[in-house]
Amino acid sequence: MPLVKRAVIAVAAVLLIAGTLPTFAQESGGARQQPAPSVATGELVKIDTSAKTLVVKTASEPEMQFSYTDATKVTGADKGVAGLATMTGSSLTVHYTKRGQNNVATEIEVQPKK
């Protein structure tokens, strides 16, 4: 009887380990996927080029703050992000990802004035 009991325990251990391997391989294998970017649309309230932040008034939230980097793509503004400094009140679409509590802009689109 002890031999049968040990065999059952060994088989259970093998099945338990085999069941966790695919999950472990998915979590640790290769490069981590970045979360899909979110999108916010609203009016540019202010921009701080020294802190690399901008504030947008959206329909769903009174104001959202975004940080940006040198890699942030800007379309519709002369001189990239620096051009936004003179565009307060313009309509923007901001593509961003969450990094902790921060909203990091990956792309900023200035909508043409109507």
Protein backbone atom coordinates (compact mmCIF):
# COMPACT_ATOMS: atom_id res chain seq x y z
CA MET A 1 0.00 0.00 0.00
CA PRO A 2 2.75 2.58 0.71
CA LEU A 3 4.10 2.10 -2.82
CA VAL A 4 0.70 2.86 -4.36
CA LYS A 5 0.30 5.90 -2.12
CA ARG A 6 3.72 7.26 -3.17
CA ALA A 7 2.89 6.68 -6.83
CA VAL A 8 -0.38 8.61 -6.50
CA ILE A 9 1.43 11.49 -4.79
CA ALA A 10 4.12 11.52 -7.47
CA VAL A 11 1.53 11.58 -10.27
CA ALA A 12 -0.39 14.38 -8.54
CA ALA A 13 2.82 16.41 -8.17
CA VAL A 14 3.69 15.95 -11.85
CA LEU A 15 0.19 17.02 -12.93
CA LEU A 16 0.32 20.05 -10.65
CA ILE A 17 3.68 21.16 -12.03
CA ALA A 18 2.65 20.48 -15.63
CA GLY A 19 -0.50 22.55 -15.14
CA THR A 20 1.47 25.62 -14.06
CA LEU A 21 4.14 25.50 -16.77
CA PRO A 22 2.07 27.05 -19.60
CA THR A 23 1.05 29.94 -17.33
CA PHE A 24 4.62 30.53 -16.22
CA ALA A 25 5.86 30.42 -19.82
CA GLN A 26 3.31 33.02 -20.91
CA GLU A 27 4.16 35.39 -18.08
CA SER A 28 7.94 35.20 -18.32
CA GLY A 29 8.53 34.54 -21.99
CA GLY A 30 9.85 37.25 -24.28
CA ALA A 31 9.19 40.96 -24.12
CA ARG A 32 6.29 42.24 -22.11
CA GLN A 33 3.40 43.57 -24.12
CA GLN A 34 2.57 47.22 -23.57
CA PRO A 35 -1.01 47.97 -22.60
CA ALA A 36 -3.18 49.24 -25.41
CA PRO A 37 -3.23 53.05 -25.49
CA SER A 38 -6.30 54.90 -24.29
CA VAL A 39 -7.66 57.99 -26.03
CA ALA A 40 -8.89 61.28 -24.57
CA THR A 41 -10.38 64.13 -26.56
CA GLY A 42 -10.85 67.63 -25.27
CA GLU A 43 -9.66 71.22 -25.11
CA LEU A 44 -6.07 72.18 -24.31
CA VAL A 45 -6.14 74.11 -21.02
CA LYS A 46 -2.41 74.59 -20.41
CA ILE A 47 1.00 73.22 -21.22
CA ASP A 48 4.19 73.32 -19.18
CA THR A 49 7.14 72.67 -21.49
CA SER A 50 9.70 72.62 -18.66
CA ALA A 51 7.76 69.95 -16.70
CA LYS A 52 6.67 68.26 -19.96
CA THR A 53 3.01 68.17 -18.97
CA LEU A 54 -0.24 69.29 -20.52
CA VAL A 55 -3.77 69.59 -19.18
CA VAL A 56 -6.84 68.80 -21.27
CA LYS A 57 -10.47 69.50 -20.35
CA THR A 58 -12.53 66.48 -21.47
CA ALA A 59 -16.25 65.78 -21.57
CA SER A 60 -15.96 62.91 -19.06
CA GLU A 61 -13.55 64.53 -16.59
CA PRO A 62 -13.07 68.19 -15.69
CA GLU A 63 -9.32 68.05 -16.42
CA MET A 64 -6.82 65.34 -17.26
CA GLN A 65 -3.08 65.82 -16.95
CA PHE A 66 -0.65 64.09 -19.28
CA SER A 67 3.10 63.92 -19.32
CA TYR A 68 4.97 63.62 -22.59
CA THR A 69 8.44 62.66 -23.73
CA ASP A 70 10.71 63.51 -26.63
CA ALA A 71 9.28 60.40 -28.34
CA THR A 72 5.69 61.68 -28.19
CA LYS A 73 4.39 62.17 -31.74
CA VAL A 74 2.66 65.51 -32.34
CA THR A 75 0.56 66.22 -35.44
CA GLY A 76 -1.24 69.42 -36.42
CA ALA A 77 1.02 71.81 -34.51
CA ASP A 78 3.98 73.75 -35.87
CA LYS A 79 7.21 72.97 -34.02
CA GLY A 80 5.80 69.86 -32.31
CA VAL A 81 5.05 70.11 -28.61
CA ALA A 82 6.62 73.58 -28.40
CA GLY A 83 3.98 74.77 -30.88
CA LEU A 84 1.23 73.74 -28.46
CA ALA A 85 2.27 76.55 -26.10
CA THR A 86 0.38 79.05 -28.27
CA MET A 87 -2.62 76.79 -28.92
CA THR A 88 -4.55 77.00 -25.64
CA GLY A 89 -8.23 76.29 -26.34
CA SER A 90 -7.50 74.03 -29.31
CA SER A 91 -9.18 70.64 -29.61
CA LEU A 92 -6.82 67.73 -29.03
CA THR A 93 -6.91 63.98 -29.21
CA VAL A 94 -4.36 62.44 -26.87
CA HIS A 95 -3.33 58.79 -27.15
CA TYR A 96 -1.82 57.73 -23.83
CA THR A 97 -0.83 54.83 -21.62
CA LYS A 98 -1.04 54.54 -17.85
CA ARG A 99 2.25 54.21 -15.98
CA GLY A 100 1.29 53.90 -12.36
CA GLN A 101 -0.83 56.97 -11.65
CA ASN A 102 0.56 58.94 -14.62
CA ASN A 103 -1.00 59.37 -18.06
CA VAL A 104 1.87 59.34 -20.56
CA ALA A 105 1.02 60.75 -23.99
CA THR A 106 2.30 58.68 -26.90
CA GLU A 107 0.62 60.82 -29.57
CA ILE A 108 -1.03 64.24 -29.55
CA GLU A 109 -3.26 65.25 -32.46
CA VAL A 110 -4.33 68.87 -32.79
CA GLN A 111 -7.72 69.01 -34.51
CA PRO A 112 -8.08 71.64 -37.24
CA LYS A 113 -10.22 74.63 -36.30
CA LYS A 114 -13.69 74.59 -37.81
